[in-house]
Amino acid sequence: MENDTKFLDSVVKALVDNPDKVKIVRTVDEMGVLMTLEVHPDDMGKIIGRMGNTAKAIRTLLRVVGMKNNSRVNLKINEPEGAAPRESRASKSVDEAMEDLKI
């Protein structure tokens, strides 16, 4: 197992409730290394984090690991099959929200 795969595996398994469902696929091409991560649907929130901050931090750390090994490392997080579609943050207009408040 490569250093970047070991690193990602240990970080992700420490974060999730279902470490046995963690799957990492490593592919190398002319653009660098692509790490594709799949986790249990219940663990997606833990991997993404609030506003995507956990995923951003993991990606940053992977880039550092890649720099130490003279490669460019990117992370793709696959959305689990059958996951409910995410709703947009702005699901209501300002007028609708004010009407709900009845001010």
C-alpha atoms as a PDB file:
ATOM      1  CA  MET A   1       0.000   0.000   0.000  1.00  0.00           C
ATOM      2  CA  GLU A   2       1.323   3.438  -0.941  1.00  0.00           C
ATOM      3  CA  ASN A   3       2.009   6.135   1.686  1.00  0.00           C
ATOM      4  CA  ASP A   4      -0.873   8.323   0.534  1.00  0.00           C
ATOM      5  CA  THR A   5      -3.318   5.408   0.639  1.00  0.00           C
ATOM      6  CA  LYS A   6      -2.154   4.386   4.125  1.00  0.00           C
ATOM      7  CA  PHE A   7      -2.527   7.956   5.330  1.00  0.00           C
ATOM      8  CA  LEU A   8      -6.020   8.424   3.889  1.00  0.00           C
ATOM      9  CA  ASP A   9      -7.110   5.027   5.207  1.00  0.00           C
ATOM     10  CA  SER A  10      -5.998   5.790   8.759  1.00  0.00           C
ATOM     11  CA  VAL A  11      -7.533   9.294   8.817  1.00  0.00           C
ATOM     12  CA  VAL A  12     -10.890   8.240   7.364  1.00  0.00           C
ATOM     13  CA  LYS A  13     -11.224   5.130   9.524  1.00  0.00           C
ATOM     14  CA  ALA A  14     -10.589   7.259  12.623  1.00  0.00           C
ATOM     15  CA  LEU A  15     -13.458   9.584  11.651  1.00  0.00           C
ATOM     16  CA  VAL A  16     -16.222   7.151  10.659  1.00  0.00           C
ATOM     17  CA  ASP A  17     -18.504   4.792  12.594  1.00  0.00           C
ATOM     18  CA  ASN A  18     -18.244   2.043   9.954  1.00  0.00           C
ATOM     19  CA  PRO A  19     -14.512   1.658   9.241  1.00  0.00           C
ATOM     20  CA  ASP A  20     -15.076  -1.712   7.558  1.00  0.00           C
ATOM     21  CA  LYS A  21     -17.101   0.039   4.819  1.00  0.00           C
ATOM     22  CA  VAL A  22     -14.269   2.411   3.824  1.00  0.00           C
ATOM     23  CA  LYS A  23     -13.039   1.775   0.289  1.00  0.00           C
ATOM     24  CA  ILE A  24     -10.159   3.649  -1.322  1.00  0.00           C
ATOM     25  CA  VAL A  25      -9.217   3.310  -4.985  1.00  0.00           C
ATOM     26  CA  ARG A  26      -5.906   4.833  -6.112  1.00  0.00           C
ATOM     27  CA  THR A  27      -5.330   5.625  -9.781  1.00  0.00           C
ATOM     28  CA  VAL A  28      -2.290   7.239 -11.360  1.00  0.00           C
ATOM     29  CA  ASP A  29      -2.247   9.107 -14.662  1.00  0.00           C
ATOM     30  CA  GLU A  30      -0.378  11.983 -16.298  1.00  0.00           C
ATOM     31  CA  MET A  31      -2.204  14.488 -14.049  1.00  0.00           C
ATOM     32  CA  GLY A  32      -1.046  12.793 -10.835  1.00  0.00           C
ATOM     33  CA  VAL A  33      -2.709  10.545  -8.277  1.00  0.00           C
ATOM     34  CA  LEU A  34      -6.474  10.380  -7.843  1.00  0.00           C
ATOM     35  CA  MET A  35      -7.752   8.885  -4.602  1.00  0.00           C
ATOM     36  CA  THR A  36     -11.415   7.875  -4.801  1.00  0.00           C
ATOM     37  CA  LEU A  37     -13.108   7.410  -1.432  1.00  0.00           C
ATOM     38  CA  GLU A  38     -16.316   5.537  -0.684  1.00  0.00           C
ATOM     39  CA  VAL A  39     -17.828   5.312   2.798  1.00  0.00           C
ATOM     40  CA  HIS A  40     -21.065   4.088   4.356  1.00  0.00           C
ATOM     41  CA  PRO A  41     -23.953   6.528   3.660  1.00  0.00           C
ATOM     42  CA  ASP A  42     -24.318   7.264   7.392  1.00  0.00           C
ATOM     43  CA  ASP A  43     -20.689   8.423   7.532  1.00  0.00           C
ATOM     44  CA  MET A  44     -20.810  10.929   4.658  1.00  0.00           C
ATOM     45  CA  GLY A  45     -21.499  13.853   6.991  1.00  0.00           C
ATOM     46  CA  LYS A  46     -18.461  13.029   9.092  1.00  0.00           C
ATOM     47  CA  ILE A  47     -16.211  12.957   6.041  1.00  0.00           C
ATOM     48  CA  ILE A  48     -17.600  16.130   4.449  1.00  0.00           C
ATOM     49  CA  GLY A  49     -17.950  18.112   7.692  1.00  0.00           C
ATOM     50  CA  ARG A  50     -19.648  21.455   8.158  1.00  0.00           C
ATOM     51  CA  MET A  51     -19.469  23.530   5.026  1.00  0.00           C
ATOM     52  CA  GLY A  52     -17.048  20.921   3.621  1.00  0.00           C
ATOM     53  CA  ASN A  53     -14.289  21.847   6.066  1.00  0.00           C
ATOM     54  CA  THR A  54     -13.322  18.271   6.974  1.00  0.00           C
ATOM     55  CA  ALA A  55     -13.075  17.265   3.302  1.00  0.00           C
ATOM     56  CA  LYS A  56     -10.996  20.386   2.563  1.00  0.00           C
ATOM     57  CA  ALA A  57      -8.631  19.565   5.431  1.00  0.00           C
ATOM     58  CA  ILE A  58      -8.212  15.960   4.263  1.00  0.00           C
ATOM     59  CA  ARG A  59      -7.484  17.182   0.718  1.00  0.00           C
ATOM     60  CA  THR A  60      -4.901  19.663   2.011  1.00  0.00           C
ATOM     61  CA  LEU A  61      -3.141  16.990   4.051  1.00  0.00           C
ATOM     62  CA  LEU A  62      -3.136  14.626   1.062  1.00  0.00           C
ATOM     63  CA  ARG A  63      -1.471  17.312  -1.037  1.00  0.00           C
ATOM     64  CA  VAL A  64       1.250  17.616   1.609  1.00  0.00           C
ATOM     65  CA  VAL A  65       1.767  13.844   1.577  1.00  0.00           C
ATOM     66  CA  GLY A  66       1.939  14.024  -2.218  1.00  0.00           C
ATOM     67  CA  MET A  67       4.515  16.821  -2.150  1.00  0.00           C
ATOM     68  CA  LYS A  68       6.737  14.716   0.089  1.00  0.00           C
ATOM     69  CA  ASN A  69       6.553  11.969  -2.555  1.00  0.00           C
ATOM     70  CA  ASN A  70       6.919  14.338  -5.552  1.00  0.00           C
ATOM     71  CA  SER A  71       3.392  13.733  -6.823  1.00  0.00           C
ATOM     72  CA  ARG A  72       0.127  15.600  -7.069  1.00  0.00           C
ATOM     73  CA  VAL A  73      -2.656  13.943  -5.054  1.00  0.00           C
ATOM     74  CA  ASN A  74      -6.357  14.721  -5.438  1.00  0.00           C
ATOM     75  CA  LEU A  75      -9.312  13.288  -3.531  1.00  0.00           C
ATOM     76  CA  LYS A  76     -12.716  12.446  -4.957  1.00  0.00           C
ATOM     77  CA  ILE A  77     -15.458  11.498  -2.509  1.00  0.00           C
ATOM     78  CA  ASN A  78     -18.122   9.337  -4.135  1.00  0.00           C
ATOM     79  CA  GLU A  79     -21.670   9.929  -3.029  1.00  0.00           C
ATOM     80  CA  PRO A  80     -23.196   6.612  -1.881  1.00  0.00           C
ATOM     81  CA  GLU A  81     -25.802   4.882  -4.020  1.00  0.00           C
ATOM     82  CA  GLY A  82     -29.352   5.543  -2.896  1.00  0.00           C
ATOM     83  CA  ALA A  83     -28.428   8.664  -0.951  1.00  0.00           C
ATOM     84  CA  ALA A  84     -31.133  11.277  -0.674  1.00  0.00           C
ATOM     85  CA  PRO A  85     -30.486  14.257  -2.947  1.00  0.00           C
ATOM     86  CA  ARG A  86     -29.173  17.281  -1.118  1.00  0.00           C
ATOM     87  CA  GLU A  87     -31.418  20.294  -1.047  1.00  0.00           C
ATOM     88  CA  SER A  88     -30.172  23.705  -1.904  1.00  0.00           C
ATOM     89  CA  ARG A  89     -29.301  25.971   1.040  1.00  0.00           C
ATOM     90  CA  ALA A  90     -31.582  28.732  -0.248  1.00  0.00           C
ATOM     91  CA  SER A  91     -34.750  26.664  -0.407  1.00  0.00           C
ATOM     92  CA  LYS A  92     -36.975  29.647   0.457  1.00  0.00           C
ATOM     93  CA  SER A  93     -36.982  33.203  -0.712  1.00  0.00           C
ATOM     94  CA  VAL A  94     -36.610  36.026   1.788  1.00  0.00           C
ATOM     95  CA  ASP A  95     -40.306  36.853   1.415  1.00  0.00           C
ATOM     96  CA  GLU A  96     -41.331  33.256   2.163  1.00  0.00           C
ATOM     97  CA  ALA A  97     -39.071  33.147   5.221  1.00  0.00           C
ATOM     98  CA  MET A  98     -40.516  36.446   6.515  1.00  0.00           C
ATOM     99  CA  GLU A  99     -44.035  35.131   5.994  1.00  0.00           C
ATOM    100  CA  ASP A 100     -43.163  32.049   8.032  1.00  0.00           C
ATOM    101  CA  LEU A 101     -42.022  34.302  10.860  1.00  0.00           C
ATOM    102  CA  LYS A 102     -45.322  36.247  10.711  1.00  0.00           C
ATOM    103  CA  ILE A 103     -43.660  39.531  11.594  1.00  0.00           C
END
